C-alpha atoms as a PDB file:
ATOM      1  CA  UNK A   1     -30.890  50.605 -49.230  1.00  0.00           C
ATOM      2  CA  UNK A   2     -29.472  49.557 -45.867  1.00  0.00           C
ATOM      3  CA  UNK A   3     -27.019  46.711 -46.415  1.00  0.00           C
ATOM      4  CA  UNK A   4     -25.392  44.389 -43.906  1.00  0.00           C
ATOM      5  CA  UNK A   5     -22.100  46.293 -44.043  1.00  0.00           C
ATOM      6  CA  UNK A   6     -23.611  49.792 -44.176  1.00  0.00           C
ATOM      7  CA  UNK A   7     -25.524  49.069 -40.953  1.00  0.00           C
ATOM      8  CA  UNK A   8     -22.262  48.618 -39.016  1.00  0.00           C
ATOM      9  CA  UNK A   9     -21.486  51.458 -36.560  1.00  0.00           C
ATOM     10  CA  UNK A  10     -19.126  54.292 -37.454  1.00  0.00           C
ATOM     11  CA  UNK A  11     -17.087  53.794 -34.278  1.00  0.00           C
ATOM     12  CA  UNK A  12     -16.141  50.967 -31.934  1.00  0.00           C
ATOM     13  CA  UNK A  13     -13.771  50.954 -28.963  1.00  0.00           C
ATOM     14  CA  UNK A  14     -12.108  48.003 -27.291  1.00  0.00           C
ATOM     15  CA  UNK A  15      -9.482  47.471 -24.592  1.00  0.00           C
ATOM     16  CA  UNK A  16      -7.110  44.596 -23.992  1.00  0.00           C
ATOM     17  CA  UNK A  17      -4.270  44.328 -21.465  1.00  0.00           C
ATOM     18  CA  UNK A  18      -4.705  47.983 -20.540  1.00  0.00           C
ATOM     19  CA  UNK A  19      -4.313  49.197 -24.131  1.00  0.00           C
ATOM     20  CA  UNK A  20      -7.137  51.013 -25.911  1.00  0.00           C
ATOM     21  CA  UNK A  21      -8.008  50.072 -29.476  1.00  0.00           C
ATOM     22  CA  UNK A  22     -10.706  51.493 -31.740  1.00  0.00           C
ATOM     23  CA  UNK A  23     -12.203  51.468 -35.203  1.00  0.00           C
ATOM     24  CA  UNK A  24     -13.527  54.614 -36.852  1.00  0.00           C
ATOM     25  CA  UNK A  25     -15.100  54.878 -40.275  1.00  0.00           C
ATOM     26  CA  UNK A  26     -12.850  56.214 -43.051  1.00  0.00           C
ATOM     27  CA  UNK A  27     -13.616  59.811 -44.044  1.00  0.00           C
ATOM     28  CA  UNK A  28     -12.474  61.138 -47.417  1.00  0.00           C
ATOM     29  CA  UNK A  29     -10.628  63.251 -48.366  1.00  0.00           C
ATOM     30  CA  UNK A  30      -9.373  63.743 -44.786  1.00  0.00           C
ATOM     31  CA  UNK A  31      -7.983  60.211 -44.388  1.00  0.00           C
ATOM     32  CA  UNK A  32      -6.487  59.938 -47.856  1.00  0.00           C
ATOM     33  CA  UNK A  33      -2.969  61.169 -46.911  1.00  0.00           C
ATOM     34  CA  UNK A  34      -2.746  58.353 -44.327  1.00  0.00           C
ATOM     35  CA  UNK A  35      -4.004  55.730 -46.776  1.00  0.00           C
ATOM     36  CA  UNK A  36      -1.598  56.944 -49.439  1.00  0.00           C
ATOM     37  CA  UNK A  37       1.320  56.790 -46.983  1.00  0.00           C
ATOM     38  CA  UNK A  38       0.459  53.287 -45.792  1.00  0.00           C
ATOM     39  CA  UNK A  39      -0.024  51.895 -49.295  1.00  0.00           C
ATOM     40  CA  UNK A  40       3.478  53.105 -50.160  1.00  0.00           C
ATOM     41  CA  UNK A  41       5.091  51.667 -47.013  1.00  0.00           C
ATOM     42  CA  UNK A  42       7.571  48.852 -47.809  1.00  0.00           C
ATOM     43  CA  UNK A  43       5.989  46.219 -45.541  1.00  0.00           C
ATOM     44  CA  UNK A  44       2.509  46.868 -47.021  1.00  0.00           C
ATOM     45  CA  UNK A  45       3.313  46.954 -50.754  1.00  0.00           C
ATOM     46  CA  UNK A  46       3.870  43.189 -51.353  1.00  0.00           C
ATOM     47  CA  UNK A  47       0.451  42.182 -49.986  1.00  0.00           C
ATOM     48  CA  UNK A  48      -1.723  45.095 -51.050  1.00  0.00           C
ATOM     49  CA  UNK A  49      -0.082  46.113 -54.344  1.00  0.00           C
ATOM     50  CA  UNK A  50      -1.743  49.537 -54.104  1.00  0.00           C
ATOM     51  CA  UNK A  51       1.382  51.691 -54.336  1.00  0.00           C
ATOM     52  CA  UNK A  52      -0.306  53.655 -57.108  1.00  0.00           C
ATOM     53  CA  UNK A  53       0.072  57.318 -58.126  1.00  0.00           C
ATOM     54  CA  UNK A  54      -1.876  59.731 -55.913  1.00  0.00           C
ATOM     55  CA  UNK A  55      -4.761  60.454 -58.288  1.00  0.00           C
ATOM     56  CA  UNK A  56      -5.255  56.804 -59.214  1.00  0.00           C
ATOM     57  CA  UNK A  57      -5.292  55.772 -55.566  1.00  0.00           C
ATOM     58  CA  UNK A  58      -7.688  58.601 -54.637  1.00  0.00           C
ATOM     59  CA  UNK A  59     -10.155  57.426 -57.295  1.00  0.00           C
ATOM     60  CA  UNK A  60      -9.745  53.829 -56.073  1.00  0.00           C
ATOM     61  CA  UNK A  61     -10.658  54.772 -52.489  1.00  0.00           C
ATOM     62  CA  UNK A  62     -13.597  56.943 -53.592  1.00  0.00           C
ATOM     63  CA  UNK A  63     -15.004  53.910 -55.429  1.00  0.00           C
ATOM     64  CA  UNK A  64     -14.343  51.689 -52.420  1.00  0.00           C
ATOM     65  CA  UNK A  65     -16.098  54.104 -50.073  1.00  0.00           C
ATOM     66  CA  UNK A  66     -19.361  54.147 -52.047  1.00  0.00           C
ATOM     67  CA  UNK A  67     -19.408  50.377 -52.660  1.00  0.00           C
ATOM     68  CA  UNK A  68     -22.260  49.297 -50.382  1.00  0.00           C
ATOM     69  CA  UNK A  69     -21.065  45.705 -49.896  1.00  0.00           C
ATOM     70  CA  UNK A  70     -18.246  46.902 -47.633  1.00  0.00           C
ATOM     71  CA  UNK A  71     -17.215  49.388 -44.933  1.00  0.00           C
ATOM     72  CA  UNK A  72     -13.798  50.982 -44.567  1.00  0.00           C
ATOM     73  CA  UNK A  73     -12.271  51.736 -41.158  1.00  0.00           C
ATOM     74  CA  UNK A  74      -9.171  53.286 -39.627  1.00  0.00           C
ATOM     75  CA  UNK A  75      -7.631  51.231 -36.812  1.00  0.00           C
ATOM     76  CA  UNK A  76      -6.504  53.182 -33.766  1.00  0.00           C
ATOM     77  CA  UNK A  77      -4.219  52.227 -30.892  1.00  0.00           C
ATOM     78  CA  UNK A  78      -4.178  54.574 -27.898  1.00  0.00           C
ATOM     79  CA  UNK A  79      -5.930  57.189 -30.027  1.00  0.00           C
ATOM     80  CA  UNK A  80      -3.347  57.082 -32.833  1.00  0.00           C
ATOM     81  CA  UNK A  81      -4.349  56.139 -36.399  1.00  0.00           C
ATOM     82  CA  UNK A  82      -2.225  53.082 -37.200  1.00  0.00           C
ATOM     83  CA  UNK A  83      -3.982  50.906 -39.758  1.00  0.00           C
ATOM     84  CA  UNK A  84      -6.753  50.175 -42.185  1.00  0.00           C
ATOM     85  CA  UNK A  85      -9.593  47.635 -42.224  1.00  0.00           C
ATOM     86  CA  UNK A  86     -12.130  46.625 -44.850  1.00  0.00           C
ATOM     87  CA  UNK A  87     -15.171  44.612 -43.777  1.00  0.00           C
ATOM     88  CA  UNK A  88     -17.098  43.139 -46.685  1.00  0.00           C
ATOM     89  CA  UNK A  89     -20.157  41.004 -47.357  1.00  0.00           C
ATOM     90  CA  UNK A  90     -18.701  37.742 -48.649  1.00  0.00           C
ATOM     91  CA  UNK A  91     -21.746  36.689 -50.664  1.00  0.00           C
ATOM     92  CA  UNK A  92     -21.538  39.944 -52.675  1.00  0.00           C
ATOM     93  CA  UNK A  93     -17.753  39.766 -52.995  1.00  0.00           C
ATOM     94  CA  UNK A  94     -15.577  37.869 -55.445  1.00  0.00           C
ATOM     95  CA  UNK A  95     -14.577  35.565 -52.588  1.00  0.00           C
ATOM     96  CA  UNK A  96     -17.963  33.900 -53.139  1.00  0.00           C
ATOM     97  CA  UNK A  97     -16.474  32.437 -56.336  1.00  0.00           C
ATOM     98  CA  UNK A  98     -14.153  30.359 -54.146  1.00  0.00           C
ATOM     99  CA  UNK A  99     -16.446  29.050 -51.394  1.00  0.00           C
ATOM    100  CA  UNK A 100     -20.244  28.779 -50.826  1.00  0.00           C
ATOM    101  CA  UNK A 101     -20.785  32.069 -48.976  1.00  0.00           C
ATOM    102  CA  UNK A 102     -23.834  32.460 -46.759  1.00  0.00           C
ATOM    103  CA  UNK A 103     -26.029  35.563 -46.711  1.00  0.00           C
ATOM    104  CA  UNK A 104     -24.572  37.024 -43.520  1.00  0.00           C
ATOM    105  CA  UNK A 105     -20.911  35.996 -43.835  1.00  0.00           C
ATOM    106  CA  UNK A 106     -18.612  38.987 -43.338  1.00  0.00           C
ATOM    107  CA  UNK A 107     -14.975  39.069 -44.397  1.00  0.00           C
ATOM    108  CA  UNK A 108     -11.993  41.353 -43.824  1.00  0.00           C
ATOM    109  CA  UNK A 109      -8.811  42.806 -45.255  1.00  0.00           C
ATOM    110  CA  UNK A 110      -6.531  44.353 -42.671  1.00  0.00           C
ATOM    111  CA  UNK A 111      -3.214  46.143 -42.414  1.00  0.00           C
ATOM    112  CA  UNK A 112      -1.174  47.808 -39.730  1.00  0.00           C
ATOM    113  CA  UNK A 113       0.393  50.652 -41.652  1.00  0.00           C
ATOM    114  CA  UNK A 114       2.452  52.423 -38.996  1.00  0.00           C
ATOM    115  CA  UNK A 115       5.763  50.615 -38.699  1.00  0.00           C
ATOM    116  CA  UNK A 116       6.014  51.694 -35.042  1.00  0.00           C
ATOM    117  CA  UNK A 117       3.233  49.232 -34.103  1.00  0.00           C
ATOM    118  CA  UNK A 118       4.184  46.314 -36.372  1.00  0.00           C
ATOM    119  CA  UNK A 119       5.621  43.339 -34.513  1.00  0.00           C
ATOM    120  CA  UNK A 120       4.697  44.761 -31.094  1.00  0.00           C
ATOM    121  CA  UNK A 121       1.996  42.200 -30.256  1.00  0.00           C
ATOM    122  CA  UNK A 122      -0.987  44.286 -31.345  1.00  0.00           C
ATOM    123  CA  UNK A 123      -2.137  42.126 -34.245  1.00  0.00           C
ATOM    124  CA  UNK A 124      -3.965  39.541 -32.138  1.00  0.00           C
ATOM    125  CA  UNK A 125      -5.811  42.242 -30.182  1.00  0.00           C
ATOM    126  CA  UNK A 126      -6.806  44.033 -33.389  1.00  0.00           C
ATOM    127  CA  UNK A 127      -8.133  40.777 -34.859  1.00  0.00           C
ATOM    128  CA  UNK A 128     -10.060  40.075 -31.670  1.00  0.00           C
ATOM    129  CA  UNK A 129     -11.483  43.633 -31.692  1.00  0.00           C
ATOM    130  CA  UNK A 130     -12.622  43.196 -35.296  1.00  0.00           C
ATOM    131  CA  UNK A 131     -14.304  39.889 -34.473  1.00  0.00           C
ATOM    132  CA  UNK A 132     -16.173  41.341 -31.481  1.00  0.00           C
ATOM    133  CA  UNK A 133     -17.169  44.311 -33.625  1.00  0.00           C
ATOM    134  CA  UNK A 134     -18.677  42.089 -36.312  1.00  0.00           C
ATOM    135  CA  UNK A 135     -20.397  39.623 -33.988  1.00  0.00           C
ATOM    136  CA  UNK A 136     -21.768  42.313 -31.662  1.00  0.00           C
ATOM    137  CA  UNK A 137     -23.161  44.482 -34.476  1.00  0.00           C
ATOM    138  CA  UNK A 138     -24.330  42.077 -37.179  1.00  0.00           C
ATOM    139  CA  UNK A 139     -26.206  38.801 -37.577  1.00  0.00           C
ATOM    140  CA  UNK A 140     -23.050  37.140 -38.985  1.00  0.00           C
ATOM    141  CA  UNK A 141     -22.548  33.607 -37.708  1.00  0.00           C
ATOM    142  CA  UNK A 142     -19.221  33.338 -39.514  1.00  0.00           C
ATOM    143  CA  UNK A 143     -16.320  35.664 -40.304  1.00  0.00           C
ATOM    144  CA  UNK A 144     -14.183  34.744 -43.305  1.00  0.00           C
ATOM    145  CA  UNK A 145     -10.750  35.799 -44.444  1.00  0.00           C
ATOM    146  CA  UNK A 146      -8.361  34.939 -47.266  1.00  0.00           C
ATOM    147  CA  UNK A 147      -4.849  36.142 -46.480  1.00  0.00           C
ATOM    148  CA  UNK A 148      -1.989  35.278 -48.802  1.00  0.00           C
ATOM    149  CA  UNK A 149      -0.438  31.961 -47.743  1.00  0.00           C
ATOM    150  CA  UNK A 150       2.936  33.719 -47.441  1.00  0.00           C
ATOM    151  CA  UNK A 151       1.651  35.936 -44.580  1.00  0.00           C
ATOM    152  CA  UNK A 152       2.414  33.856 -41.507  1.00  0.00           C
ATOM    153  CA  UNK A 153       1.061  36.270 -38.864  1.00  0.00           C
ATOM    154  CA  UNK A 154      -2.440  34.757 -39.181  1.00  0.00           C
ATOM    155  CA  UNK A 155      -1.145  31.259 -38.457  1.00  0.00           C
ATOM    156  CA  UNK A 156       0.374  32.489 -35.192  1.00  0.00           C
ATOM    157  CA  UNK A 157      -2.823  34.072 -33.849  1.00  0.00           C
ATOM    158  CA  UNK A 158      -5.562  31.996 -35.502  1.00  0.00           C
ATOM    159  CA  UNK A 159      -6.068  29.417 -32.759  1.00  0.00           C
ATOM    160  CA  UNK A 160      -6.391  31.976 -29.964  1.00  0.00           C
ATOM    161  CA  UNK A 161      -9.152  33.869 -31.787  1.00  0.00           C
ATOM    162  CA  UNK A 162     -10.944  30.779 -33.180  1.00  0.00           C
ATOM    163  CA  UNK A 163      -9.939  31.311 -36.812  1.00  0.00           C
ATOM    164  CA  UNK A 164      -9.798  27.921 -38.500  1.00  0.00           C
ATOM    165  CA  UNK A 165      -7.936  27.301 -41.767  1.00  0.00           C
ATOM    166  CA  UNK A 166     -10.289  25.628 -44.271  1.00  0.00           C
ATOM    167  CA  UNK A 167      -8.315  25.191 -47.481  1.00  0.00           C
ATOM    168  CA  UNK A 168      -5.987  26.847 -49.964  1.00  0.00           C
ATOM    169  CA  UNK A 169      -7.728  28.873 -52.644  1.00  0.00           C
ATOM    170  CA  UNK A 170      -6.040  29.925 -55.861  1.00  0.00           C
ATOM    171  CA  UNK A 171      -7.134  33.474 -56.593  1.00  0.00           C
ATOM    172  CA  UNK A 172      -5.931  35.439 -59.604  1.00  0.00           C
ATOM    173  CA  UNK A 173      -3.364  37.481 -57.680  1.00  0.00           C
ATOM    174  CA  UNK A 174      -2.432  35.077 -54.870  1.00  0.00           C
ATOM    175  CA  UNK A 175      -2.710  31.670 -53.315  1.00  0.00           C
ATOM    176  CA  UNK A 176      -4.656  32.281 -50.132  1.00  0.00           C
ATOM    177  CA  UNK A 177      -5.672  30.373 -47.033  1.00  0.00           C
ATOM    178  CA  UNK A 178      -9.421  30.513 -46.465  1.00  0.00           C
ATOM    179  CA  UNK A 179     -10.204  31.043 -42.767  1.00  0.00           C
ATOM    180  CA  UNK A 180     -13.537  30.711 -41.002  1.00  0.00           C
ATOM    181  CA  UNK A 181     -14.339  32.031 -37.536  1.00  0.00           C
ATOM    182  CA  UNK A 182     -17.669  30.838 -36.160  1.00  0.00           C
ATOM    183  CA  UNK A 183     -19.548  32.999 -33.672  1.00  0.00           C
ATOM    184  CA  UNK A 184     -20.119  30.262 -31.087  1.00  0.00           C
ATOM    185  CA  UNK A 185     -16.515  29.043 -31.141  1.00  0.00           C
ATOM    186  CA  UNK A 186     -15.180  32.615 -30.957  1.00  0.00           C
ATOM    187  CA  UNK A 187     -17.148  33.407 -27.794  1.00  0.00           C
ATOM    188  CA  UNK A 188     -16.195  30.039 -26.269  1.00  0.00           C
ATOM    189  CA  UNK A 189     -12.521  30.878 -26.763  1.00  0.00           C
ATOM    190  CA  UNK A 190     -12.516  34.648 -26.128  1.00  0.00           C
ATOM    191  CA  UNK A 191     -15.438  35.125 -23.728  1.00  0.00           C
ATOM    192  CA  UNK A 192     -18.121  37.787 -23.671  1.00  0.00           C
ATOM    193  CA  UNK A 193     -17.163  41.314 -24.639  1.00  0.00           C
ATOM    194  CA  UNK A 194     -16.263  43.276 -21.510  1.00  0.00           C
ATOM    195  CA  UNK A 195     -18.484  46.358 -21.242  1.00  0.00           C
ATOM    196  CA  UNK A 196     -16.899  49.544 -19.943  1.00  0.00           C
END
């Protein structure tokens, strides 16, 4: 069955300020060494808590890859694999226990795994790329996210990409800030996607 997330493209490219960004679908087992490395990187461990033994993590990602309510992507900057993105259908996700999810709401979990790109100003562009990707290739009218309230990077970029904090939600493993990004407001703030 074709689901909302499984209908998303395998590849998407985007450019901002002369820098090329892209998303490509995760391929296993080829991408597993990267995922394993990133999940064991010190700046990733506190938020993701997936610094598991190799076999356990491999099984985890195999299960994630066949779960048809989400798609897994590798984030690229200038052709280099630098991070990981999950896009999920909120109504079929546990997030729907915490807010009234609509049929086409899509959410995200994101990390920049390569320390060489962290803190270099790429996060906002990656978030904007993800938002264009979702709005250009799905009927979603709203993108949702629930980062841990201790992760301040979202606060710093939210306004510029039309992500609006809704409320705190108390999930089992974290207290999160629920964000909504509405299609119309996103395009008002960021403009139409430039076609190359």
